[in-house]
């Protein structure tokens, strides 16, 4: 084992941002099997573990469960079809993004409509006040207050 490319579980956890508990679990289920240090018996991770963990994290982010990820990483056919799967995932996320963009536009239109409705109400109220005060002197306190 090359010591420079080997990490204890703590260092590997810090380097990858994945908790020790998660790394223990991945080891337990065989998803990311650590090597055992022959002297201490502690888990040791190497550079190839980094690559595998990056794949696991990416696939989890894409919505795959750990069982599916395990199969994808074991089966060379599934590994080859990963590219196809990623393309499908990208298409699905682009569709979801378009949907979310449409929802946000609708929400913004609603806010705009409510704002315009509020301005229309203010204008109507102002018009009623002007009509009520029509014919009164400009010096009248109510007229002066409305002018402000």
N, C-alpha and C. Protein backbone atom coordinates (compact mmCIF):
# COMPACT_ATOMS: atom_id res chain seq x y z
N UNK A 1 0.84 -1.19 0.00
CA UNK A 1 0.00 0.00 0.00
C UNK A 1 0.89 1.24 0.00
N UNK A 2 0.69 2.12 -0.94
CA UNK A 2 1.47 3.36 -1.01
C UNK A 2 0.93 4.34 0.02
N UNK A 3 1.75 4.69 0.98
CA UNK A 3 1.32 5.55 2.09
C UNK A 3 0.86 6.93 1.63
N UNK A 4 1.49 7.46 0.55
CA UNK A 4 1.14 8.81 0.10
C UNK A 4 -0.25 8.85 -0.53
N UNK A 5 -0.68 7.73 -1.12
CA UNK A 5 -1.98 7.70 -1.77
C UNK A 5 -3.01 6.97 -0.92
N UNK A 6 -2.70 6.77 0.33
CA UNK A 6 -3.58 6.04 1.22
C UNK A 6 -4.08 6.99 2.30
N UNK A 7 -5.37 6.87 2.61
CA UNK A 7 -5.99 7.77 3.58
C UNK A 7 -6.67 6.97 4.68
N UNK A 8 -6.56 7.45 5.88
CA UNK A 8 -7.37 6.87 6.96
C UNK A 8 -8.80 7.29 6.70
N UNK A 9 -9.74 6.67 7.39
CA UNK A 9 -11.15 7.01 7.16
C UNK A 9 -11.42 8.47 7.53
N UNK A 10 -10.77 8.97 8.57
CA UNK A 10 -10.95 10.37 8.97
C UNK A 10 -10.47 11.34 7.90
N UNK A 11 -9.27 11.08 7.37
CA UNK A 11 -8.72 11.95 6.32
C UNK A 11 -9.55 11.84 5.04
N UNK A 12 -9.98 10.62 4.73
CA UNK A 12 -10.80 10.41 3.54
C UNK A 12 -12.13 11.15 3.67
N UNK A 13 -12.70 11.10 4.86
CA UNK A 13 -13.95 11.80 5.13
C UNK A 13 -13.78 13.30 4.94
N UNK A 14 -12.70 13.85 5.50
CA UNK A 14 -12.44 15.30 5.36
C UNK A 14 -12.19 15.67 3.91
N UNK A 15 -11.44 14.83 3.20
CA UNK A 15 -11.09 15.11 1.81
C UNK A 15 -12.33 15.10 0.90
N UNK A 16 -13.27 14.20 1.20
CA UNK A 16 -14.43 14.03 0.32
C UNK A 16 -15.69 14.75 0.80
N UNK A 17 -15.73 15.10 2.09
CA UNK A 17 -16.93 15.73 2.63
C UNK A 17 -18.02 14.72 2.94
N UNK A 18 -17.70 13.43 2.90
CA UNK A 18 -18.67 12.38 3.23
C UNK A 18 -18.38 11.93 4.65
N UNK A 19 -19.42 11.82 5.45
CA UNK A 19 -19.23 11.50 6.87
C UNK A 19 -18.64 10.11 7.07
N UNK A 20 -17.97 9.94 8.19
CA UNK A 20 -17.39 8.65 8.55
C UNK A 20 -18.50 7.61 8.66
N UNK A 21 -19.61 8.01 9.23
CA UNK A 21 -20.74 7.09 9.38
C UNK A 21 -21.20 6.58 8.02
N UNK A 22 -21.29 7.48 7.03
CA UNK A 22 -21.70 7.08 5.69
C UNK A 22 -20.66 6.16 5.06
N UNK A 23 -19.38 6.47 5.25
CA UNK A 23 -18.32 5.61 4.71
C UNK A 23 -18.38 4.22 5.34
N UNK A 24 -18.64 4.16 6.65
CA UNK A 24 -18.80 2.85 7.32
C UNK A 24 -19.95 2.09 6.67
N UNK A 25 -21.06 2.78 6.43
CA UNK A 25 -22.23 2.14 5.85
C UNK A 25 -21.94 1.65 4.44
N UNK A 26 -21.30 2.48 3.62
CA UNK A 26 -20.95 2.07 2.26
C UNK A 26 -20.04 0.84 2.28
N UNK A 27 -19.12 0.79 3.24
CA UNK A 27 -18.24 -0.36 3.39
C UNK A 27 -19.06 -1.58 3.79
N UNK A 28 -19.95 -1.40 4.73
CA UNK A 28 -20.79 -2.49 5.25
C UNK A 28 -21.64 -3.13 4.14
N UNK A 29 -22.20 -2.31 3.26
CA UNK A 29 -23.07 -2.85 2.20
C UNK A 29 -22.29 -3.21 0.93
N UNK A 30 -20.97 -3.00 0.97
CA UNK A 30 -20.13 -3.39 -0.16
C UNK A 30 -20.09 -2.39 -1.29
N UNK A 31 -20.62 -1.21 -1.08
CA UNK A 31 -20.63 -0.20 -2.12
C UNK A 31 -19.25 0.45 -2.30
N UNK A 32 -18.56 0.65 -1.20
CA UNK A 32 -17.22 1.25 -1.23
C UNK A 32 -16.38 0.53 -0.18
N UNK A 33 -15.85 -0.62 -0.58
CA UNK A 33 -15.09 -1.46 0.34
C UNK A 33 -13.71 -0.86 0.57
N UNK A 34 -13.44 -0.56 1.82
CA UNK A 34 -12.12 -0.05 2.18
C UNK A 34 -11.18 -1.23 2.37
N UNK A 35 -9.89 -0.95 2.18
CA UNK A 35 -8.89 -1.97 2.48
C UNK A 35 -8.58 -1.88 3.97
N UNK A 36 -8.22 -3.01 4.54
CA UNK A 36 -7.86 -3.02 5.96
C UNK A 36 -6.35 -2.92 6.07
N UNK A 37 -5.89 -2.04 6.93
CA UNK A 37 -4.47 -1.94 7.21
C UNK A 37 -4.06 -3.23 7.90
N UNK A 38 -3.07 -3.96 7.34
CA UNK A 38 -2.70 -5.25 7.91
C UNK A 38 -2.16 -5.16 9.34
N UNK A 39 -1.64 -4.03 9.71
CA UNK A 39 -1.07 -3.88 11.05
C UNK A 39 -2.14 -3.45 12.05
N UNK A 40 -2.85 -2.36 11.73
CA UNK A 40 -3.82 -1.81 12.68
C UNK A 40 -5.23 -2.35 12.49
N UNK A 41 -5.54 -2.82 11.30
CA UNK A 41 -6.89 -3.28 11.01
C UNK A 41 -7.86 -2.15 10.67
N UNK A 42 -7.36 -0.92 10.66
CA UNK A 42 -8.21 0.23 10.33
C UNK A 42 -8.47 0.30 8.83
N UNK A 43 -9.57 0.93 8.49
CA UNK A 43 -9.91 1.11 7.08
C UNK A 43 -8.91 2.07 6.44
N UNK A 44 -8.55 1.74 5.20
CA UNK A 44 -7.66 2.60 4.42
C UNK A 44 -8.29 2.81 3.05
N UNK A 45 -8.23 4.03 2.57
CA UNK A 45 -8.79 4.38 1.26
C UNK A 45 -7.67 4.88 0.38
N UNK A 46 -7.78 4.57 -0.92
CA UNK A 46 -6.78 4.99 -1.89
C UNK A 46 -7.43 5.85 -2.97
N UNK A 47 -6.62 6.27 -3.92
CA UNK A 47 -7.10 7.17 -4.98
C UNK A 47 -8.29 6.57 -5.74
N UNK A 48 -8.26 5.26 -6.03
CA UNK A 48 -9.37 4.67 -6.78
C UNK A 48 -10.67 4.72 -5.99
N UNK A 49 -10.57 4.76 -4.68
CA UNK A 49 -11.77 4.92 -3.85
C UNK A 49 -12.38 6.31 -4.06
N UNK A 50 -11.53 7.30 -4.28
CA UNK A 50 -12.02 8.67 -4.54
C UNK A 50 -12.89 8.69 -5.79
N UNK A 51 -12.40 8.06 -6.84
CA UNK A 51 -13.14 8.04 -8.11
C UNK A 51 -14.48 7.33 -7.93
N UNK A 52 -14.44 6.18 -7.26
CA UNK A 52 -15.67 5.42 -7.04
C UNK A 52 -16.65 6.21 -6.19
N UNK A 53 -16.15 6.87 -5.15
CA UNK A 53 -17.03 7.67 -4.30
C UNK A 53 -17.64 8.83 -5.08
N UNK A 54 -16.87 9.45 -5.96
CA UNK A 54 -17.40 10.54 -6.79
C UNK A 54 -18.55 10.03 -7.66
N UNK A 55 -18.40 8.81 -8.20
CA UNK A 55 -19.49 8.23 -9.00
C UNK A 55 -20.72 8.01 -8.13
N UNK A 56 -20.50 7.47 -6.93
CA UNK A 56 -21.62 7.20 -6.02
C UNK A 56 -22.36 8.49 -5.69
N UNK A 57 -21.61 9.52 -5.33
CA UNK A 57 -22.22 10.80 -4.96
C UNK A 57 -22.99 11.39 -6.14
N UNK A 58 -22.39 11.32 -7.33
CA UNK A 58 -23.06 11.86 -8.53
C UNK A 58 -24.35 11.11 -8.82
N UNK A 59 -24.30 9.80 -8.73
CA UNK A 59 -25.50 9.00 -9.00
C UNK A 59 -26.58 9.22 -7.94
N UNK A 60 -26.17 9.37 -6.69
CA UNK A 60 -27.14 9.67 -5.64
C UNK A 60 -27.81 11.01 -5.92
N UNK A 61 -27.02 11.98 -6.33
CA UNK A 61 -27.56 13.30 -6.65
C UNK A 61 -28.58 13.22 -7.77
N UNK A 62 -28.34 12.30 -8.70
CA UNK A 62 -29.26 12.13 -9.83
C UNK A 62 -30.52 11.36 -9.46
N UNK A 63 -30.59 10.88 -8.22
CA UNK A 63 -31.82 10.25 -7.77
C UNK A 63 -31.80 8.73 -7.70
N UNK A 64 -30.65 8.13 -7.98
CA UNK A 64 -30.57 6.68 -7.89
C UNK A 64 -30.43 6.27 -6.43
N UNK A 65 -31.03 5.10 -6.07
CA UNK A 65 -30.84 4.60 -4.72
C UNK A 65 -29.56 3.78 -4.66
N UNK A 66 -29.14 3.45 -3.45
CA UNK A 66 -27.84 2.78 -3.28
C UNK A 66 -27.81 1.41 -3.95
N UNK A 67 -28.93 0.71 -3.96
CA UNK A 67 -28.96 -0.60 -4.62
C UNK A 67 -28.72 -0.44 -6.12
N UNK A 68 -29.40 0.53 -6.73
CA UNK A 68 -29.21 0.79 -8.16
C UNK A 68 -27.77 1.20 -8.45
N UNK A 69 -27.22 2.03 -7.58
CA UNK A 69 -25.84 2.48 -7.76
C UNK A 69 -24.89 1.30 -7.69
N UNK A 70 -25.10 0.42 -6.72
CA UNK A 70 -24.25 -0.76 -6.59
C UNK A 70 -24.28 -1.60 -7.86
N UNK A 71 -25.47 -1.80 -8.41
CA UNK A 71 -25.59 -2.57 -9.65
C UNK A 71 -24.88 -1.87 -10.80
N UNK A 72 -25.05 -0.57 -10.88
CA UNK A 72 -24.42 0.18 -11.96
C UNK A 72 -22.89 0.09 -11.89
N UNK A 73 -22.37 0.13 -10.69
CA UNK A 73 -20.91 0.11 -10.54
C UNK A 73 -20.34 -1.29 -10.74
N UNK A 74 -21.13 -2.34 -10.50
CA UNK A 74 -20.66 -3.73 -10.64
C UNK A 74 -20.75 -4.21 -12.08
N UNK A 75 -21.89 -3.98 -12.70
CA UNK A 75 -22.18 -4.53 -14.01
C UNK A 75 -21.56 -3.66 -15.09
N UNK A 76 -20.64 -4.25 -15.88
CA UNK A 76 -19.98 -3.45 -16.92
C UNK A 76 -20.98 -2.97 -17.96
N UNK A 77 -22.02 -3.78 -18.24
CA UNK A 77 -23.04 -3.34 -19.20
C UNK A 77 -23.76 -2.11 -18.66
N UNK A 78 -24.15 -2.18 -17.38
CA UNK A 78 -24.82 -1.03 -16.78
C UNK A 78 -23.88 0.15 -16.70
N UNK A 79 -22.61 -0.10 -16.44
CA UNK A 79 -21.64 0.97 -16.39
C UNK A 79 -21.54 1.65 -17.76
N UNK A 80 -21.60 0.83 -18.83
CA UNK A 80 -21.54 1.40 -20.17
C UNK A 80 -22.83 2.18 -20.47
N UNK A 81 -23.95 1.69 -19.93
CA UNK A 81 -25.21 2.38 -20.20
C UNK A 81 -25.39 3.59 -19.28
N UNK A 82 -24.43 3.83 -18.42
CA UNK A 82 -24.47 4.99 -17.53
C UNK A 82 -24.57 6.27 -18.35
N UNK A 83 -23.83 6.33 -19.44
CA UNK A 83 -23.87 7.52 -20.30
C UNK A 83 -25.29 7.76 -20.80
N UNK A 84 -25.93 6.70 -21.25
CA UNK A 84 -27.31 6.81 -21.74
C UNK A 84 -28.23 7.26 -20.60
N UNK A 85 -28.02 6.67 -19.44
CA UNK A 85 -28.83 7.01 -18.28
C UNK A 85 -28.64 8.48 -17.89
N UNK A 86 -27.42 8.93 -17.93
CA UNK A 86 -27.14 10.34 -17.59
C UNK A 86 -27.81 11.28 -18.59
N UNK A 87 -27.81 10.88 -19.86
CA UNK A 87 -28.49 11.70 -20.88
C UNK A 87 -29.99 11.77 -20.59
N UNK A 88 -30.59 10.64 -20.19
CA UNK A 88 -32.00 10.62 -19.85
C UNK A 88 -32.28 11.48 -18.62
N UNK A 89 -31.39 11.37 -17.63
CA UNK A 89 -31.54 12.19 -16.42
C UNK A 89 -31.46 13.66 -16.76
N UNK A 90 -30.50 14.01 -17.62
CA UNK A 90 -30.35 15.42 -18.01
C UNK A 90 -31.63 15.92 -18.70
N UNK A 91 -32.17 15.10 -19.57
CA UNK A 91 -33.40 15.47 -20.28
C UNK A 91 -34.55 15.66 -19.29
N UNK A 92 -34.65 14.75 -18.32
CA UNK A 92 -35.71 14.85 -17.30
C UNK A 92 -35.54 16.11 -16.47
N UNK A 93 -34.30 16.41 -16.08
CA UNK A 93 -34.05 17.62 -15.28
C UNK A 93 -34.30 18.89 -16.09
N UNK A 94 -33.98 18.86 -17.38
CA UNK A 94 -34.26 20.03 -18.21
C UNK A 94 -35.77 20.26 -18.31
N UNK A 95 -36.52 19.16 -18.43
CA UNK A 95 -37.98 19.26 -18.48
C UNK A 95 -38.52 19.80 -17.15
N UNK A 96 -37.97 19.29 -16.04
CA UNK A 96 -38.38 19.76 -14.72
C UNK A 96 -38.02 21.24 -14.54
N UNK A 97 -36.84 21.62 -15.04
CA UNK A 97 -36.41 23.03 -14.95
C UNK A 97 -37.37 23.92 -15.72
N UNK A 98 -37.78 23.48 -16.92
CA UNK A 98 -38.72 24.26 -17.73
C UNK A 98 -40.05 24.41 -16.98
N UNK A 99 -40.49 23.33 -16.36
CA UNK A 99 -41.74 23.37 -15.58
C UNK A 99 -41.60 24.37 -14.43
N UNK A 100 -40.48 24.31 -13.71
CA UNK A 100 -40.27 25.24 -12.60
C UNK A 100 -40.19 26.68 -13.08
N UNK A 101 -39.55 26.89 -14.23
CA UNK A 101 -39.50 28.24 -14.80
C UNK A 101 -40.91 28.75 -15.10
N UNK A 102 -41.76 27.87 -15.64
CA UNK A 102 -43.15 28.26 -15.93
C UNK A 102 -43.91 28.57 -14.65
N UNK A 103 -43.69 27.77 -13.61
CA UNK A 103 -44.35 28.02 -12.33
C UNK A 103 -43.91 29.37 -11.77
N UNK A 104 -42.60 29.64 -11.82
CA UNK A 104 -42.09 30.92 -11.32
C UNK A 104 -42.67 32.10 -12.10
N UNK A 105 -42.80 31.94 -13.41
CA UNK A 105 -43.40 33.00 -14.23
C UNK A 105 -44.84 33.25 -13.81
N UNK A 106 -45.59 32.17 -13.57
CA UNK A 106 -46.98 32.30 -13.15
C UNK A 106 -47.08 33.00 -11.80
N UNK A 107 -46.19 32.64 -10.89
CA UNK A 107 -46.17 33.29 -9.57
C UNK A 107 -45.86 34.77 -9.71
N UNK A 108 -44.87 35.09 -10.54
CA UNK A 108 -44.51 36.50 -10.75
C UNK A 108 -45.65 37.28 -11.40
N UNK A 109 -46.37 36.63 -12.32
CA UNK A 109 -47.53 37.30 -12.94
C UNK A 109 -48.60 37.56 -11.89
N UNK A 110 -48.78 36.61 -10.97
CA UNK A 110 -49.77 36.77 -9.91
C UNK A 110 -49.41 37.95 -9.02
N UNK A 111 -48.12 38.03 -8.63
CA UNK A 111 -47.68 39.17 -7.82
C UNK A 111 -47.90 40.47 -8.57
N UNK A 112 -47.55 40.48 -9.85
CA UNK A 112 -47.72 41.68 -10.67
C UNK A 112 -49.19 42.06 -10.75
N UNK A 113 -50.06 41.05 -10.96
CA UNK A 113 -51.50 41.29 -11.05
C UNK A 113 -52.01 41.88 -9.74
N UNK A 114 -51.58 41.29 -8.60
CA UNK A 114 -52.02 41.79 -7.30
C UNK A 114 -51.52 43.20 -7.06
N UNK A 115 -50.30 43.47 -7.49
CA UNK A 115 -49.75 44.83 -7.33
C UNK A 115 -50.55 45.82 -8.16
N UNK A 116 -50.86 45.44 -9.40
CA UNK A 116 -51.66 46.31 -10.26
C UNK A 116 -53.07 46.50 -9.70
N UNK A 117 -53.63 45.43 -9.15
CA UNK A 117 -54.95 45.51 -8.54
C UNK A 117 -54.94 46.49 -7.37
N UNK A 118 -53.88 46.42 -6.58
CA UNK A 118 -53.74 47.32 -5.44
C UNK A 118 -53.62 48.78 -5.91
N UNK A 119 -52.83 48.99 -6.97
CA UNK A 119 -52.68 50.35 -7.51
C UNK A 119 -54.02 50.84 -8.09
N UNK A 120 -54.75 49.95 -8.76
CA UNK A 120 -56.07 50.32 -9.30
C UNK A 120 -57.01 50.73 -8.17
N UNK A 121 -56.99 49.98 -7.06
CA UNK A 121 -57.84 50.30 -5.92
C UNK A 121 -57.46 51.67 -5.35
N UNK A 122 -56.16 51.94 -5.22
CA UNK A 122 -55.71 53.24 -4.71
C UNK A 122 -56.20 54.37 -5.63
N UNK A 123 -56.09 54.13 -6.95
CA UNK A 123 -56.52 55.15 -7.91
C UNK A 123 -58.02 55.40 -7.81
N UNK A 124 -58.78 54.33 -7.66
CA UNK A 124 -60.25 54.47 -7.53
C UNK A 124 -60.58 55.25 -6.26
N UNK A 125 -59.91 54.90 -5.15
CA UNK A 125 -60.14 55.61 -3.88
C UNK A 125 -59.78 57.10 -4.02
N UNK A 126 -58.67 57.36 -4.70
CA UNK A 126 -58.25 58.75 -4.91
C UNK A 126 -59.28 59.49 -5.77
N UNK A 127 -59.75 58.83 -6.81
CA UNK A 127 -60.76 59.45 -7.69
C UNK A 127 -62.04 59.78 -6.92
N UNK A 128 -62.44 58.86 -6.04
CA UNK A 128 -63.64 59.11 -5.23
C UNK A 128 -63.44 60.32 -4.33
N UNK A 129 -62.28 60.45 -3.73
CA UNK A 129 -61.97 61.59 -2.87
C UNK A 129 -61.98 62.90 -3.66
N UNK A 130 -61.38 62.87 -4.86
CA UNK A 130 -61.36 64.06 -5.71
C UNK A 130 -62.78 64.46 -6.07
N UNK A 131 -63.60 63.49 -6.42
CA UNK A 131 -64.99 63.76 -6.78
C UNK A 131 -65.76 64.32 -5.58
N UNK A 132 -65.51 63.76 -4.38
CA UNK A 132 -66.18 64.22 -3.17
C UNK A 132 -65.78 65.67 -2.84
N UNK A 133 -64.52 66.00 -3.10
CA UNK A 133 -64.03 67.34 -2.74
C UNK A 133 -64.19 68.35 -3.88
N UNK A 134 -64.69 67.90 -5.02
CA UNK A 134 -64.86 68.81 -6.16
C UNK A 134 -65.76 69.99 -5.76
N UNK A 135 -65.35 71.18 -6.15
CA UNK A 135 -66.12 72.37 -5.87
C UNK A 135 -65.71 73.05 -4.57
N UNK A 136 -64.92 72.38 -3.74
CA UNK A 136 -64.45 73.02 -2.50
C UNK A 136 -63.25 73.90 -2.84
N UNK A 137 -63.00 74.85 -1.97
CA UNK A 137 -61.89 75.78 -2.15
C UNK A 137 -60.55 75.04 -2.06
N UNK A 138 -59.59 75.51 -2.81
CA UNK A 138 -58.23 74.95 -2.77
C UNK A 138 -57.64 75.10 -1.37
N UNK A 139 -58.08 76.12 -0.65
CA UNK A 139 -57.59 76.38 0.71
C UNK A 139 -58.21 75.45 1.76
N UNK A 140 -59.25 74.71 1.40
CA UNK A 140 -59.92 73.81 2.34
C UNK A 140 -58.90 72.79 2.88
N UNK A 141 -58.88 72.55 4.20
CA UNK A 141 -57.91 71.61 4.79
C UNK A 141 -57.98 70.19 4.19
N UNK A 142 -59.18 69.74 3.87
CA UNK A 142 -59.31 68.39 3.28
C UNK A 142 -58.67 68.36 1.89
N UNK A 143 -58.87 69.41 1.12
CA UNK A 143 -58.28 69.49 -0.23
C UNK A 143 -56.77 69.55 -0.10
N UNK A 144 -56.28 70.34 0.84
CA UNK A 144 -54.84 70.44 1.07
C UNK A 144 -54.25 69.08 1.47
N UNK A 145 -54.94 68.35 2.33
CA UNK A 145 -54.47 67.03 2.79
C UNK A 145 -54.42 66.04 1.62
N UNK A 146 -55.45 66.09 0.77
CA UNK A 146 -55.48 65.19 -0.38
C UNK A 146 -54.34 65.53 -1.37
N UNK A 147 -54.05 66.81 -1.50
CA UNK A 147 -53.00 67.27 -2.42
C UNK A 147 -51.65 66.75 -1.95
N UNK A 148 -51.47 66.63 -0.64
CA UNK A 148 -50.19 66.12 -0.13
C UNK A 148 -50.03 64.69 -0.51
